[in-house]
C-alpha cells in the first residue's frame, strides 16, 4: 500500500472537524505560516485567511483550517485591515483548537489601527460551514459597525464566538454582533454559538447583539448564548427587529439571553425590540429558552414575539428568577 498523501496532523484535523470533502484543503497558521507557501499542509500553511481564500474554488466544498498556535490572542489571531468577505459558495472555514464554547484560539479580529466604517466578517456566500472560530470586532474607533454580517443563505455557523462592540468606542448607533440582512439572508443556522461580550459596558446608543434587516427569512439560533453588560435600560438590547426586517420567522431554540445584572449590569425594560411591522414572527422554542436581566421580552407587546404556548404579553415565559431557600 502506497504512502498516504495526508500526514497525521492533517488526518487529525479532518477527524476532529468531522468534515470530509472532495474539494481542496488549505491550512492557515497566523503566527508561523507564510503566504509564500502553498497552504496544502500544516507545515506549509499560509499566514493569512485572505491568501487562503484566494485559492478557494466555489461549489466544490473547499475547506480552510485556521489553526491555533498558542493560548494568547496575539499568537493565534488573523488580523484584518478590511472586511473579510466570504462570498464563495460551499467553501468552509474551520478552527482547529480545543473546542471551548467562547474565545476560541482560532481567531479573526481587526488590526489595532483599523478605523473603517464597516464590519469584520461578511458571510455573503451560500451553503458554507463556519465552525470553531472567534470573530472579535473591537478597536479604539467610533467607526466599526459590527462583527458578522450575513447576507447569504443556508449557511451553518457552529460553535463560534461572535463578539461585536469589543471596545467602548464601538458603542455607536446601529452597531451589532450579528446582523441578518436582506432577502438573501435566509435559512441560516447558528448552532451552539456565543454572541456578544459581557466584559465591556454598553448602552450609550441604540444598538443590539442581533440585528435583523431587509426581510431576513427563516433563520434559526439553536442552543446559543447571547450576552451583554449595559448601563442603560433601553438603548442596548439582545435583538432589534425594525419594520420590514423579518420574513416568515426568526427562531430561538434552547437559547439563553444573559444580561449580567448580578455583576452590576443595568436591568433591561425589554430583551427585544420587535415592532409590529417587522413582518415576521420571533418564535421562542425549547425548555431552555429564557432571559436574565430584563423585565419583559418585548414590552411594547407588538404581538410578533411568541412562545409555543401563544403570544407573549408579559414576563412569564422563560424568565430567570432568583432561587431562594424555602
C-alpha atoms as a PDB file:
ATOM      1  CA  UNK A   1       0.000   0.000   0.000  1.00  0.00           C
ATOM      2  CA  UNK A   2       1.422   3.378  -1.011  1.00  0.00           C
ATOM      3  CA  UNK A   3       2.101   6.147   1.449  1.00  0.00           C
ATOM      4  CA  UNK A   4      -0.871   8.421   2.121  1.00  0.00           C
ATOM      5  CA  UNK A   5      -0.726  11.988   0.876  1.00  0.00           C
ATOM      6  CA  UNK A   6      -2.030  13.140   4.267  1.00  0.00           C
ATOM      7  CA  UNK A   7       0.230  13.479   7.288  1.00  0.00           C
ATOM      8  CA  UNK A   8      -1.005  12.695  10.801  1.00  0.00           C
ATOM      9  CA  UNK A   9      -1.823  16.308  11.650  1.00  0.00           C
ATOM     10  CA  UNK A  10      -3.908  16.663   8.516  1.00  0.00           C
ATOM     11  CA  UNK A  11      -5.768  13.453   9.281  1.00  0.00           C
ATOM     12  CA  UNK A  12      -6.470  14.575  12.852  1.00  0.00           C
ATOM     13  CA  UNK A  13      -7.825  17.879  11.563  1.00  0.00           C
ATOM     14  CA  UNK A  14     -10.234  16.032   9.309  1.00  0.00           C
ATOM     15  CA  UNK A  15     -11.336  13.661  12.055  1.00  0.00           C
ATOM     16  CA  UNK A  16     -11.724  16.439  14.625  1.00  0.00           C
ATOM     17  CA  UNK A  17     -13.844  18.548  12.337  1.00  0.00           C
ATOM     18  CA  UNK A  18     -15.843  15.572  11.041  1.00  0.00           C
ATOM     19  CA  UNK A  19     -15.644  17.132   7.605  1.00  0.00           C
ATOM     20  CA  UNK A  20     -14.588  15.052   4.613  1.00  0.00           C
ATOM     21  CA  UNK A  21     -14.601  16.682   1.219  1.00  0.00           C
ATOM     22  CA  UNK A  22     -13.986  16.144  -2.451  1.00  0.00           C
ATOM     23  CA  UNK A  23     -12.535  19.652  -2.632  1.00  0.00           C
ATOM     24  CA  UNK A  24      -9.206  21.240  -1.804  1.00  0.00           C
ATOM     25  CA  UNK A  25      -7.937  21.700   1.742  1.00  0.00           C
ATOM     26  CA  UNK A  26      -5.801  24.608   2.921  1.00  0.00           C
ATOM     27  CA  UNK A  27      -4.229  25.486   6.260  1.00  0.00           C
ATOM     28  CA  UNK A  28      -3.629  28.873   7.912  1.00  0.00           C
ATOM     29  CA  UNK A  29      -1.270  29.480  10.855  1.00  0.00           C
ATOM     30  CA  UNK A  30      -1.279  33.215  11.705  1.00  0.00           C
ATOM     31  CA  UNK A  31       1.851  33.122  13.862  1.00  0.00           C
ATOM     32  CA  UNK A  32       4.205  30.879  11.891  1.00  0.00           C
ATOM     33  CA  UNK A  33       2.701  30.423   8.429  1.00  0.00           C
ATOM     34  CA  UNK A  34       3.803  32.186   5.278  1.00  0.00           C
ATOM     35  CA  UNK A  35       1.776  33.467   2.351  1.00  0.00           C
ATOM     36  CA  UNK A  36       4.565  32.328   0.042  1.00  0.00           C
ATOM     37  CA  UNK A  37       3.714  28.714   0.950  1.00  0.00           C
ATOM     38  CA  UNK A  38       1.175  26.594  -0.923  1.00  0.00           C
ATOM     39  CA  UNK A  39      -1.024  26.120   2.190  1.00  0.00           C
ATOM     40  CA  UNK A  40      -1.634  22.442   1.456  1.00  0.00           C
ATOM     41  CA  UNK A  41      -0.358  21.066   4.764  1.00  0.00           C
ATOM     42  CA  UNK A  42       0.196  22.406   8.286  1.00  0.00           C
ATOM     43  CA  UNK A  43       3.942  22.512   7.623  1.00  0.00           C
ATOM     44  CA  UNK A  44       3.348  24.663   4.523  1.00  0.00           C
ATOM     45  CA  UNK A  45       0.483  26.723   5.942  1.00  0.00           C
ATOM     46  CA  UNK A  46      -0.484  30.166   4.749  1.00  0.00           C
ATOM     47  CA  UNK A  47      -0.194  33.041   7.195  1.00  0.00           C
ATOM     48  CA  UNK A  48      -3.478  34.825   6.380  1.00  0.00           C
ATOM     49  CA  UNK A  49      -7.064  33.922   5.597  1.00  0.00           C
ATOM     50  CA  UNK A  50      -7.270  36.284   2.598  1.00  0.00           C
ATOM     51  CA  UNK A  51      -4.421  34.359   0.961  1.00  0.00           C
ATOM     52  CA  UNK A  52      -6.145  31.030   1.610  1.00  0.00           C
ATOM     53  CA  UNK A  53      -9.449  32.442   0.436  1.00  0.00           C
ATOM     54  CA  UNK A  54      -7.925  33.451  -2.900  1.00  0.00           C
ATOM     55  CA  UNK A  55      -7.136  29.772  -3.541  1.00  0.00           C
ATOM     56  CA  UNK A  56     -10.660  28.514  -2.863  1.00  0.00           C
ATOM     57  CA  UNK A  57     -12.890  27.322  -5.687  1.00  0.00           C
ATOM     58  CA  UNK A  58     -16.618  27.857  -5.217  1.00  0.00           C
ATOM     59  CA  UNK A  59     -19.018  24.960  -5.400  1.00  0.00           C
ATOM     60  CA  UNK A  60     -16.717  22.047  -4.533  1.00  0.00           C
ATOM     61  CA  UNK A  61     -16.585  22.087  -0.714  1.00  0.00           C
ATOM     62  CA  UNK A  62     -13.080  23.515  -0.377  1.00  0.00           C
ATOM     63  CA  UNK A  63     -12.013  23.859   3.277  1.00  0.00           C
ATOM     64  CA  UNK A  64      -9.733  26.251   5.169  1.00  0.00           C
ATOM     65  CA  UNK A  65      -8.427  25.158   8.572  1.00  0.00           C
ATOM     66  CA  UNK A  66      -7.483  28.083  10.853  1.00  0.00           C
ATOM     67  CA  UNK A  67      -5.031  26.556  13.310  1.00  0.00           C
ATOM     68  CA  UNK A  68      -4.500  27.743  16.879  1.00  0.00           C
ATOM     69  CA  UNK A  69      -0.837  28.017  17.827  1.00  0.00           C
ATOM     70  CA  UNK A  70      -0.985  29.338  21.395  1.00  0.00           C
ATOM     71  CA  UNK A  71      -3.384  30.386  24.136  1.00  0.00           C
ATOM     72  CA  UNK A  72      -2.707  34.079  23.609  1.00  0.00           C
ATOM     73  CA  UNK A  73      -4.887  36.171  21.319  1.00  0.00           C
ATOM     74  CA  UNK A  74      -1.882  37.772  19.635  1.00  0.00           C
ATOM     75  CA  UNK A  75      -0.302  34.423  18.827  1.00  0.00           C
ATOM     76  CA  UNK A  76      -3.311  32.886  17.157  1.00  0.00           C
ATOM     77  CA  UNK A  77      -5.284  35.722  15.510  1.00  0.00           C
ATOM     78  CA  UNK A  78      -5.514  36.562  11.824  1.00  0.00           C
ATOM     79  CA  UNK A  79      -5.747  40.354  11.873  1.00  0.00           C
ATOM     80  CA  UNK A  80      -7.777  42.084   9.165  1.00  0.00           C
ATOM     81  CA  UNK A  81      -7.254  45.586   7.805  1.00  0.00           C
ATOM     82  CA  UNK A  82     -10.569  45.433   5.941  1.00  0.00           C
ATOM     83  CA  UNK A  83     -13.775  43.409   5.935  1.00  0.00           C
ATOM     84  CA  UNK A  84     -13.170  39.726   5.174  1.00  0.00           C
ATOM     85  CA  UNK A  85     -15.880  38.927   2.636  1.00  0.00           C
ATOM     86  CA  UNK A  86     -16.591  35.198   2.420  1.00  0.00           C
ATOM     87  CA  UNK A  87     -18.502  35.096  -0.886  1.00  0.00           C
ATOM     88  CA  UNK A  88     -17.670  31.733  -2.491  1.00  0.00           C
ATOM     89  CA  UNK A  89     -20.470  29.166  -2.195  1.00  0.00           C
ATOM     90  CA  UNK A  90     -19.757  25.842  -0.472  1.00  0.00           C
ATOM     91  CA  UNK A  91     -16.409  26.971   0.920  1.00  0.00           C
ATOM     92  CA  UNK A  92     -15.871  26.247   4.593  1.00  0.00           C
ATOM     93  CA  UNK A  93     -13.825  27.740   7.453  1.00  0.00           C
ATOM     94  CA  UNK A  94     -12.990  25.515  10.421  1.00  0.00           C
ATOM     95  CA  UNK A  95     -10.996  26.411  13.523  1.00  0.00           C
ATOM     96  CA  UNK A  96      -8.579  23.792  14.849  1.00  0.00           C
ATOM     97  CA  UNK A  97      -8.406  24.292  18.631  1.00  0.00           C
ATOM     98  CA  UNK A  98      -9.541  22.748  21.904  1.00  0.00           C
ATOM     99  CA  UNK A  99     -13.196  23.467  21.157  1.00  0.00           C
ATOM    100  CA  UNK A 100     -14.253  25.797  24.006  1.00  0.00           C
ATOM    101  CA  UNK A 101     -17.626  27.467  23.817  1.00  0.00           C
ATOM    102  CA  UNK A 102     -16.216  31.009  23.760  1.00  0.00           C
ATOM    103  CA  UNK A 103     -12.976  32.839  22.956  1.00  0.00           C
ATOM    104  CA  UNK A 104     -11.687  30.110  20.656  1.00  0.00           C
ATOM    105  CA  UNK A 105      -7.995  30.470  19.874  1.00  0.00           C
ATOM    106  CA  UNK A 106      -8.645  30.157  16.133  1.00  0.00           C
ATOM    107  CA  UNK A 107      -9.439  33.830  15.898  1.00  0.00           C
ATOM    108  CA  UNK A 108     -10.240  36.653  13.458  1.00  0.00           C
ATOM    109  CA  UNK A 109     -10.043  40.311  14.510  1.00  0.00           C
ATOM    110  CA  UNK A 110      -9.313  43.794  13.217  1.00  0.00           C
ATOM    111  CA  UNK A 111      -5.829  45.254  13.293  1.00  0.00           C
ATOM    112  CA  UNK A 112      -5.415  47.659  16.202  1.00  0.00           C
ATOM    113  CA  UNK A 113      -5.262  50.622  13.808  1.00  0.00           C
ATOM    114  CA  UNK A 114      -8.428  49.769  11.867  1.00  0.00           C
ATOM    115  CA  UNK A 115     -10.791  52.761  11.668  1.00  0.00           C
ATOM    116  CA  UNK A 116     -13.059  51.864   8.742  1.00  0.00           C
ATOM    117  CA  UNK A 117     -16.821  52.160   8.903  1.00  0.00           C
ATOM    118  CA  UNK A 118     -17.613  48.523   8.201  1.00  0.00           C
ATOM    119  CA  UNK A 119     -17.960  45.107   9.793  1.00  0.00           C
ATOM    120  CA  UNK A 120     -15.310  42.439  10.382  1.00  0.00           C
ATOM    121  CA  UNK A 121     -16.724  39.416   8.519  1.00  0.00           C
ATOM    122  CA  UNK A 122     -19.369  39.262   5.801  1.00  0.00           C
ATOM    123  CA  UNK A 123     -20.900  35.877   5.025  1.00  0.00           C
ATOM    124  CA  UNK A 124     -22.387  36.585   1.606  1.00  0.00           C
ATOM    125  CA  UNK A 125     -21.904  33.092   0.162  1.00  0.00           C
ATOM    126  CA  UNK A 126     -24.390  30.231   0.365  1.00  0.00           C
ATOM    127  CA  UNK A 127     -24.021  26.756   1.847  1.00  0.00           C
ATOM    128  CA  UNK A 128     -20.909  27.379   3.961  1.00  0.00           C
ATOM    129  CA  UNK A 129     -19.897  25.844   7.286  1.00  0.00           C
ATOM    130  CA  UNK A 130     -18.154  28.280   9.648  1.00  0.00           C
ATOM    131  CA  UNK A 131     -17.063  26.393  12.760  1.00  0.00           C
ATOM    132  CA  UNK A 132     -14.961  26.834  15.890  1.00  0.00           C
ATOM    133  CA  UNK A 133     -13.765  30.394  15.224  1.00  0.00           C
ATOM    134  CA  UNK A 134     -13.895  33.534  17.355  1.00  0.00           C
ATOM    135  CA  UNK A 135     -14.776  36.711  15.462  1.00  0.00           C
ATOM    136  CA  UNK A 136     -13.826  39.749  17.539  1.00  0.00           C
ATOM    137  CA  UNK A 137     -14.623  43.297  16.397  1.00  0.00           C
ATOM    138  CA  UNK A 138     -13.117  45.707  18.883  1.00  0.00           C
ATOM    139  CA  UNK A 139     -10.830  48.677  18.196  1.00  0.00           C
ATOM    140  CA  UNK A 140     -10.491  52.181  19.620  1.00  0.00           C
ATOM    141  CA  UNK A 141     -12.574  53.832  16.911  1.00  0.00           C
ATOM    142  CA  UNK A 142     -16.154  55.046  16.561  1.00  0.00           C
ATOM    143  CA  UNK A 143     -16.399  53.597  13.052  1.00  0.00           C
ATOM    144  CA  UNK A 144     -16.651  49.765  13.057  1.00  0.00           C
ATOM    145  CA  UNK A 145     -20.345  48.992  12.820  1.00  0.00           C
ATOM    146  CA  UNK A 146     -20.425  45.319  13.602  1.00  0.00           C
ATOM    147  CA  UNK A 147     -18.840  41.907  13.717  1.00  0.00           C
ATOM    148  CA  UNK A 148     -20.611  39.394  11.428  1.00  0.00           C
ATOM    149  CA  UNK A 149     -22.932  40.477   8.604  1.00  0.00           C
ATOM    150  CA  UNK A 150     -24.860  37.608   6.998  1.00  0.00           C
ATOM    151  CA  UNK A 151     -26.398  38.192   3.574  1.00  0.00           C
ATOM    152  CA  UNK A 152     -26.155  34.619   2.251  1.00  0.00           C
ATOM    153  CA  UNK A 153     -28.402  31.621   2.768  1.00  0.00           C
ATOM    154  CA  UNK A 154     -28.289  28.046   4.051  1.00  0.00           C
ATOM    155  CA  UNK A 155     -25.079  28.587   5.982  1.00  0.00           C
ATOM    156  CA  UNK A 156     -24.247  26.794   9.226  1.00  0.00           C
ATOM    157  CA  UNK A 157     -22.356  28.821  11.854  1.00  0.00           C
ATOM    158  CA  UNK A 158     -21.381  26.330  14.536  1.00  0.00           C
ATOM    159  CA  UNK A 159     -19.572  26.715  17.870  1.00  0.00           C
ATOM    160  CA  UNK A 160     -18.350  30.226  17.083  1.00  0.00           C
ATOM    161  CA  UNK A 161     -17.997  33.231  19.370  1.00  0.00           C
ATOM    162  CA  UNK A 162     -19.205  36.349  17.532  1.00  0.00           C
ATOM    163  CA  UNK A 163     -18.287  39.425  19.533  1.00  0.00           C
ATOM    164  CA  UNK A 164     -19.093  42.896  18.277  1.00  0.00           C
ATOM    165  CA  UNK A 165     -18.606  46.205  20.116  1.00  0.00           C
ATOM    166  CA  UNK A 166     -15.433  44.925  21.719  1.00  0.00           C
ATOM    167  CA  UNK A 167     -14.287  48.425  22.621  1.00  0.00           C
ATOM    168  CA  UNK A 168     -16.332  51.121  24.357  1.00  0.00           C
ATOM    169  CA  UNK A 169     -15.643  53.405  21.369  1.00  0.00           C
ATOM    170  CA  UNK A 170     -17.623  50.938  19.216  1.00  0.00           C
ATOM    171  CA  UNK A 171     -20.790  51.633  21.241  1.00  0.00           C
ATOM    172  CA  UNK A 172     -22.383  53.540  18.335  1.00  0.00           C
ATOM    173  CA  UNK A 173     -25.876  53.703  16.866  1.00  0.00           C
ATOM    174  CA  UNK A 174     -26.713  50.666  14.761  1.00  0.00           C
ATOM    175  CA  UNK A 175     -23.811  48.531  15.961  1.00  0.00           C
ATOM    176  CA  UNK A 176     -24.235  44.755  16.298  1.00  0.00           C
ATOM    177  CA  UNK A 177     -22.539  41.431  16.850  1.00  0.00           C
ATOM    178  CA  UNK A 178     -24.645  39.584  14.233  1.00  0.00           C
ATOM    179  CA  UNK A 179     -26.748  41.158  11.505  1.00  0.00           C
ATOM    180  CA  UNK A 180     -29.071  39.172   9.256  1.00  0.00           C
ATOM    181  CA  UNK A 181     -29.599  41.471   6.311  1.00  0.00           C
ATOM    182  CA  UNK A 182     -31.639  41.226   3.146  1.00  0.00           C
ATOM    183  CA  UNK A 183     -33.966  38.756   1.496  1.00  0.00           C
ATOM    184  CA  UNK A 184     -30.934  36.602   0.652  1.00  0.00           C
ATOM    185  CA  UNK A 185     -30.111  36.114   4.342  1.00  0.00           C
ATOM    186  CA  UNK A 186     -32.364  33.101   4.736  1.00  0.00           C
ATOM    187  CA  UNK A 187     -32.435  29.639   6.266  1.00  0.00           C
ATOM    188  CA  UNK A 188     -29.163  30.059   8.160  1.00  0.00           C
ATOM    189  CA  UNK A 189     -28.479  28.082  11.336  1.00  0.00           C
ATOM    190  CA  UNK A 190     -26.464  29.421  14.272  1.00  0.00           C
ATOM    191  CA  UNK A 191     -25.737  26.384  16.410  1.00  0.00           C
ATOM    192  CA  UNK A 192     -24.104  26.350  19.871  1.00  0.00           C
ATOM    193  CA  UNK A 193     -22.679  29.852  19.394  1.00  0.00           C
ATOM    194  CA  UNK A 194     -21.898  32.632  21.871  1.00  0.00           C
ATOM    195  CA  UNK A 195     -22.943  36.075  20.687  1.00  0.00           C
ATOM    196  CA  UNK A 196     -21.694  39.259  22.329  1.00  0.00           C
ATOM    197  CA  UNK A 197     -19.471  40.160  25.263  1.00  0.00           C
ATOM    198  CA  UNK A 198     -20.100  40.955  28.920  1.00  0.00           C
ATOM    199  CA  UNK A 199     -16.676  42.438  29.665  1.00  0.00           C
ATOM    200  CA  UNK A 200     -17.458  45.972  28.439  1.00  0.00           C
ATOM    201  CA  UNK A 201     -20.241  48.351  29.427  1.00  0.00           C
ATOM    202  CA  UNK A 202     -22.548  49.339  26.566  1.00  0.00           C
ATOM    203  CA  UNK A 203     -25.675  51.463  26.385  1.00  0.00           C
ATOM    204  CA  UNK A 204     -24.660  54.901  25.127  1.00  0.00           C
ATOM    205  CA  UNK A 205     -26.505  54.402  21.821  1.00  0.00           C
ATOM    206  CA  UNK A 206     -29.273  52.323  20.223  1.00  0.00           C
ATOM    207  CA  UNK A 207     -27.666  49.048  19.174  1.00  0.00           C
ATOM    208  CA  UNK A 208     -28.082  45.320  19.689  1.00  0.00           C
ATOM    209  CA  UNK A 209     -26.370  41.979  19.799  1.00  0.00           C
ATOM    210  CA  UNK A 210     -28.575  40.621  16.983  1.00  0.00           C
ATOM    211  CA  UNK A 211     -29.993  42.909  14.304  1.00  0.00           C
ATOM    212  CA  UNK A 212     -32.425  42.000  11.527  1.00  0.00           C
ATOM    213  CA  UNK A 213     -32.944  43.998   8.349  1.00  0.00           C
ATOM    214  CA  UNK A 214     -34.440  43.694   4.883  1.00  0.00           C
ATOM    215  CA  UNK A 215     -36.780  40.700   5.221  1.00  0.00           C
ATOM    216  CA  UNK A 216     -34.278  38.126   6.528  1.00  0.00           C
ATOM    217  CA  UNK A 217     -36.159  34.834   6.262  1.00  0.00           C
ATOM    218  CA  UNK A 218     -36.445  31.635   8.279  1.00  0.00           C
ATOM    219  CA  UNK A 219     -33.248  31.862  10.342  1.00  0.00           C
ATOM    220  CA  UNK A 220     -32.636  29.799  13.479  1.00  0.00           C
ATOM    221  CA  UNK A 221     -30.488  30.200  16.588  1.00  0.00           C
ATOM    222  CA  UNK A 222     -30.218  26.875  18.423  1.00  0.00           C
ATOM    223  CA  UNK A 223     -28.542  26.237  21.788  1.00  0.00           C
ATOM    224  CA  UNK A 224     -26.868  29.649  21.759  1.00  0.00           C
ATOM    225  CA  UNK A 225     -25.878  32.116  24.494  1.00  0.00           C
ATOM    226  CA  UNK A 226     -26.438  35.834  23.861  1.00  0.00           C
ATOM    227  CA  UNK A 227     -24.732  38.013  26.487  1.00  0.00           C
ATOM    228  CA  UNK A 228     -24.288  41.659  27.413  1.00  0.00           C
ATOM    229  CA  UNK A 229     -23.334  44.220  30.055  1.00  0.00           C
ATOM    230  CA  UNK A 230     -25.085  47.594  29.917  1.00  0.00           C
ATOM    231  CA  UNK A 231     -25.644  50.807  31.848  1.00  0.00           C
ATOM    232  CA  UNK A 232     -28.913  51.699  30.114  1.00  0.00           C
ATOM    233  CA  UNK A 233     -32.345  50.082  30.403  1.00  0.00           C
ATOM    234  CA  UNK A 234     -33.423  50.544  26.784  1.00  0.00           C
ATOM    235  CA  UNK A 235     -30.569  51.518  24.452  1.00  0.00           C
ATOM    236  CA  UNK A 236     -28.744  48.207  24.150  1.00  0.00           C
ATOM    237  CA  UNK A 237     -30.880  45.076  23.670  1.00  0.00           C
ATOM    238  CA  UNK A 238     -30.402  41.448  22.699  1.00  0.00           C
ATOM    239  CA  UNK A 239     -32.469  41.622  19.491  1.00  0.00           C
ATOM    240  CA  UNK A 240     -33.654  44.517  17.356  1.00  0.00           C
ATOM    241  CA  UNK A 241     -36.137  43.900  14.532  1.00  0.00           C
ATOM    242  CA  UNK A 242     -37.426  47.131  12.962  1.00  0.00           C
ATOM    243  CA  UNK A 243     -40.031  47.443  10.207  1.00  0.00           C
ATOM    244  CA  UNK A 244     -39.720  45.016   7.272  1.00  0.00           C
ATOM    245  CA  UNK A 245     -36.796  43.183   8.886  1.00  0.00           C
ATOM    246  CA  UNK A 246     -38.073  39.571   9.082  1.00  0.00           C
ATOM    247  CA  UNK A 247     -39.782  37.312   6.572  1.00  0.00           C
ATOM    248  CA  UNK A 248     -41.849  34.416   7.973  1.00  0.00           C
ATOM    249  CA  UNK A 249     -39.940  33.754  11.207  1.00  0.00           C
ATOM    250  CA  UNK A 250     -36.831  34.011  13.336  1.00  0.00           C
ATOM    251  CA  UNK A 251     -36.495  31.060  15.740  1.00  0.00           C
ATOM    252  CA  UNK A 252     -34.633  30.902  19.055  1.00  0.00           C
ATOM    253  CA  UNK A 253     -34.487  27.303  20.271  1.00  0.00           C
ATOM    254  CA  UNK A 254     -32.943  26.439  23.659  1.00  0.00           C
ATOM    255  CA  UNK A 255     -31.185  29.805  23.647  1.00  0.00           C
ATOM    256  CA  UNK A 256     -30.355  31.899  26.716  1.00  0.00           C
ATOM    257  CA  UNK A 257     -30.181  35.697  26.852  1.00  0.00           C
ATOM    258  CA  UNK A 258     -27.995  36.744  29.773  1.00  0.00           C
ATOM    259  CA  UNK A 259     -27.637  40.342  30.969  1.00  0.00           C
ATOM    260  CA  UNK A 260     -25.113  40.283  33.822  1.00  0.00           C
ATOM    261  CA  UNK A 261     -27.300  42.025  36.414  1.00  0.00           C
ATOM    262  CA  UNK A 262     -25.734  40.141  39.317  1.00  0.00           C
ATOM    263  CA  UNK A 263     -22.381  41.628  38.324  1.00  0.00           C
ATOM    264  CA  UNK A 264     -23.651  45.212  38.134  1.00  0.00           C
ATOM    265  CA  UNK A 265     -25.281  45.460  34.719  1.00  0.00           C
ATOM    266  CA  UNK A 266     -28.451  47.564  34.421  1.00  0.00           C
ATOM    267  CA  UNK A 267     -31.687  45.632  34.037  1.00  0.00           C
ATOM    268  CA  UNK A 268     -33.455  45.984  30.684  1.00  0.00           C
ATOM    269  CA  UNK A 269     -37.018  47.153  30.211  1.00  0.00           C
ATOM    270  CA  UNK A 270     -37.293  44.642  27.364  1.00  0.00           C
ATOM    271  CA  UNK A 271     -34.998  41.968  26.000  1.00  0.00           C
ATOM    272  CA  UNK A 272     -36.133  42.519  22.402  1.00  0.00           C
ATOM    273  CA  UNK A 273     -37.269  45.491  20.351  1.00  0.00           C
ATOM    274  CA  UNK A 274     -39.529  43.865  17.751  1.00  0.00           C
ATOM    275  CA  UNK A 275     -42.037  46.189  16.106  1.00  0.00           C
ATOM    276  CA  UNK A 276     -45.463  45.133  14.878  1.00  0.00           C
ATOM    277  CA  UNK A 277     -44.463  45.903  11.286  1.00  0.00           C
ATOM    278  CA  UNK A 278     -41.360  43.680  11.402  1.00  0.00           C
ATOM    279  CA  UNK A 279     -43.273  41.368   9.047  1.00  0.00           C
ATOM    280  CA  UNK A 280     -42.412  38.091  10.802  1.00  0.00           C
ATOM    281  CA  UNK A 281     -42.697  36.052  13.973  1.00  0.00           C
ATOM    282  CA  UNK A 282     -39.955  35.762  16.582  1.00  0.00           C
ATOM    283  CA  UNK A 283     -40.596  32.267  17.928  1.00  0.00           C
ATOM    284  CA  UNK A 284     -39.228  31.024  21.263  1.00  0.00           C
ATOM    285  CA  UNK A 285     -38.909  27.246  21.459  1.00  0.00           C
ATOM    286  CA  UNK A 286     -37.496  24.686  23.855  1.00  0.00           C
ATOM    287  CA  UNK A 287     -37.496  24.324  27.589  1.00  0.00           C
ATOM    288  CA  UNK A 288     -34.147  26.088  27.974  1.00  0.00           C
ATOM    289  CA  UNK A 289     -35.026  29.326  26.185  1.00  0.00           C
ATOM    290  CA  UNK A 290     -35.146  32.227  28.611  1.00  0.00           C
ATOM    291  CA  UNK A 291     -33.667  35.500  29.762  1.00  0.00           C
ATOM    292  CA  UNK A 292     -31.993  37.007  32.810  1.00  0.00           C
ATOM    293  CA  UNK A 293     -31.741  40.732  33.398  1.00  0.00           C
ATOM    294  CA  UNK A 294     -34.860  42.073  31.682  1.00  0.00           C
ATOM    295  CA  UNK A 295     -38.389  42.849  32.832  1.00  0.00           C
ATOM    296  CA  UNK A 296     -40.104  41.589  29.684  1.00  0.00           C
ATOM    297  CA  UNK A 297     -39.387  40.028  26.331  1.00  0.00           C
ATOM    298  CA  UNK A 298     -40.958  42.808  24.262  1.00  0.00           C
ATOM    299  CA  UNK A 299     -42.632  45.433  26.436  1.00  0.00           C
ATOM    300  CA  UNK A 300     -44.311  47.176  23.512  1.00  0.00           C
ATOM    301  CA  UNK A 301     -46.308  43.935  23.013  1.00  0.00           C
ATOM    302  CA  UNK A 302     -46.085  44.017  19.234  1.00  0.00           C
ATOM    303  CA  UNK A 303     -47.663  40.555  19.081  1.00  0.00           C
ATOM    304  CA  UNK A 304     -44.782  39.288  16.934  1.00  0.00           C
ATOM    305  CA  UNK A 305     -42.853  37.641  19.780  1.00  0.00           C
ATOM    306  CA  UNK A 306     -44.395  34.274  20.577  1.00  0.00           C
ATOM    307  CA  UNK A 307     -43.678  31.157  22.552  1.00  0.00           C
ATOM    308  CA  UNK A 308     -45.031  27.778  21.582  1.00  0.00           C
ATOM    309  CA  UNK A 309     -47.890  28.480  24.018  1.00  0.00           C
ATOM    310  CA  UNK A 310     -49.042  31.671  22.322  1.00  0.00           C
ATOM    311  CA  UNK A 311     -48.456  35.404  22.174  1.00  0.00           C
ATOM    312  CA  UNK A 312     -46.249  36.839  24.919  1.00  0.00           C
ATOM    313  CA  UNK A 313     -47.639  39.887  26.678  1.00  0.00           C
ATOM    314  CA  UNK A 314     -45.752  39.717  29.970  1.00  0.00           C
ATOM    315  CA  UNK A 315     -42.535  38.452  31.508  1.00  0.00           C
ATOM    316  CA  UNK A 316     -43.822  34.972  32.280  1.00  0.00           C
ATOM    317  CA  UNK A 317     -42.241  32.660  29.716  1.00  0.00           C
ATOM    318  CA  UNK A 318     -38.573  31.897  30.249  1.00  0.00           C
ATOM    319  CA  UNK A 319     -37.948  34.482  32.966  1.00  0.00           C
ATOM    320  CA  UNK A 320     -34.894  33.623  35.053  1.00  0.00           C
ATOM    321  CA  UNK A 321     -35.791  34.155  38.715  1.00  0.00           C
ATOM    322  CA  UNK A 322     -33.635  34.157  41.835  1.00  0.00           C
ATOM    323  CA  UNK A 323     -33.530  30.906  43.771  1.00  0.00           C
ATOM    324  CA  UNK A 324     -34.319  31.364  47.456  1.00  0.00           C
ATOM    325  CA  UNK A 325     -34.145  28.948  50.346  1.00  0.00           C
ATOM    326  CA  UNK A 326     -37.543  27.590  51.341  1.00  0.00           C
END
